């Protein structure tokens, strides 16, 4: 898969998500969310869920977990996704023909 495939898939997922997301909670998640709500006292529980998504995303970026999955599935990194170009496109490495190592130094 390519950078274009990733961009298309992200746009598709974004559209499918919409503005609201019904989430089912297991017992452990409900308990942890209740404790956070009681302790942090947000205006709405939705705010805690938004913060959780931001924290998970930030952690995935900082630990390289996001890059690992992007490289595995789409052969790009998060930086390449943000810039809209692959590393080879940025450096110009994709504009040169491949070298034939057997004939490379023949005159």
Protein backbone atom coordinates (compact mmCIF):
# COMPACT_ATOMS: atom_id res chain seq x y z
CA UNK A 1 0.00 0.00 0.00
CA UNK A 2 1.08 3.58 -0.51
CA UNK A 3 0.82 7.05 0.96
CA UNK A 4 -2.17 7.71 -1.30
CA UNK A 5 -3.89 4.56 0.01
CA UNK A 6 -3.31 5.71 3.59
CA UNK A 7 -4.69 9.18 2.86
CA UNK A 8 -7.78 7.69 1.22
CA UNK A 9 -8.32 5.26 4.12
CA UNK A 10 -7.97 8.05 6.72
CA UNK A 11 -10.49 10.23 4.88
CA UNK A 12 -12.88 7.29 4.62
CA UNK A 13 -12.57 6.50 8.34
CA UNK A 14 -13.01 10.16 9.24
CA UNK A 15 -16.24 10.30 7.24
CA UNK A 16 -17.55 7.07 8.77
CA UNK A 17 -16.88 8.27 12.34
CA UNK A 18 -19.10 11.32 12.13
CA UNK A 19 -19.45 13.64 15.12
CA UNK A 20 -20.59 11.08 17.70
CA UNK A 21 -19.40 7.59 18.48
CA UNK A 22 -21.42 5.15 20.57
CA UNK A 23 -19.00 3.20 22.74
CA UNK A 24 -19.78 0.15 24.81
CA UNK A 25 -17.88 -0.11 28.09
CA UNK A 26 -16.71 -3.22 29.84
CA UNK A 27 -16.64 -3.38 33.63
CA UNK A 28 -12.99 -2.35 34.00
CA UNK A 29 -13.32 0.60 31.62
CA UNK A 30 -16.51 1.78 33.32
CA UNK A 31 -14.78 1.62 36.72
CA UNK A 32 -11.72 3.54 35.50
CA UNK A 33 -13.87 6.14 33.74
CA UNK A 34 -15.98 6.62 36.88
CA UNK A 35 -12.85 7.17 38.98
CA UNK A 36 -11.44 9.67 36.48
CA UNK A 37 -14.76 11.49 36.26
CA UNK A 38 -15.03 11.74 40.03
CA UNK A 39 -11.42 12.85 40.46
CA UNK A 40 -10.97 15.21 37.50
CA UNK A 41 -14.52 16.57 37.49
CA UNK A 42 -14.82 17.39 33.77
CA UNK A 43 -17.92 19.21 32.53
CA UNK A 44 -18.89 16.12 30.54
CA UNK A 45 -17.63 12.54 30.39
CA UNK A 46 -17.04 13.08 26.66
CA UNK A 47 -14.10 15.32 27.57
CA UNK A 48 -12.34 12.42 29.31
CA UNK A 49 -12.82 10.19 26.28
CA UNK A 50 -11.41 12.90 23.99
CA UNK A 51 -8.40 13.29 26.29
CA UNK A 52 -7.90 9.52 26.31
CA UNK A 53 -7.81 9.40 22.51
CA UNK A 54 -5.32 12.29 22.43
CA UNK A 55 -3.10 10.58 25.01
CA UNK A 56 -3.20 7.24 23.19
CA UNK A 57 -2.35 8.95 19.91
CA UNK A 58 0.53 10.93 21.46
CA UNK A 59 1.92 7.81 23.13
CA UNK A 60 1.72 5.85 19.86
CA UNK A 61 3.63 8.63 18.06
CA UNK A 62 6.28 9.07 20.77
CA UNK A 63 7.00 5.35 21.18
CA UNK A 64 7.18 4.68 17.44
CA UNK A 65 4.22 2.31 17.63
CA UNK A 66 2.28 4.36 15.06
CA UNK A 67 5.23 4.41 12.65
CA UNK A 68 5.64 0.65 13.06
CA UNK A 69 2.03 0.00 12.08
CA UNK A 70 2.09 2.57 9.28
CA UNK A 71 5.29 1.08 7.87
CA UNK A 72 3.88 -2.43 8.13
CA UNK A 73 0.57 -1.62 6.49
CA UNK A 74 1.31 1.29 4.15
CA UNK A 75 5.12 1.47 3.88
CA UNK A 76 5.17 5.08 5.14
CA UNK A 77 5.86 6.88 8.41
CA UNK A 78 3.76 9.45 10.25
CA UNK A 79 6.15 12.22 9.13
CA UNK A 80 5.70 11.13 5.53
CA UNK A 81 1.93 11.17 5.99
CA UNK A 82 2.07 14.69 7.46
CA UNK A 83 4.25 16.02 4.66
CA UNK A 84 2.29 14.24 1.93
CA UNK A 85 5.50 12.85 0.45
CA UNK A 86 7.55 9.74 1.02
CA UNK A 87 11.18 10.05 2.11
CA UNK A 88 12.33 9.08 -1.38
CA UNK A 89 10.17 11.82 -2.88
CA UNK A 90 11.54 14.36 -0.37
CA UNK A 91 15.18 13.52 -1.11
CA UNK A 92 14.75 13.00 -4.83
CA UNK A 93 15.95 9.41 -4.60
CA UNK A 94 13.00 8.15 -6.62
CA UNK A 95 13.88 10.23 -9.68
CA UNK A 96 17.10 8.40 -10.56
CA UNK A 97 17.15 5.08 -12.41
CA UNK A 98 18.16 2.03 -10.41
CA UNK A 99 21.83 1.14 -10.57
CA UNK A 100 22.95 -2.05 -12.24
CA UNK A 101 25.65 -3.20 -9.81
CA UNK A 102 27.18 -5.66 -12.26
CA UNK A 103 27.82 -2.97 -14.87
CA UNK A 104 28.28 -0.08 -12.47
CA UNK A 105 32.04 0.36 -12.79
CA UNK A 106 32.53 -0.89 -16.34
CA UNK A 107 33.94 1.55 -18.85
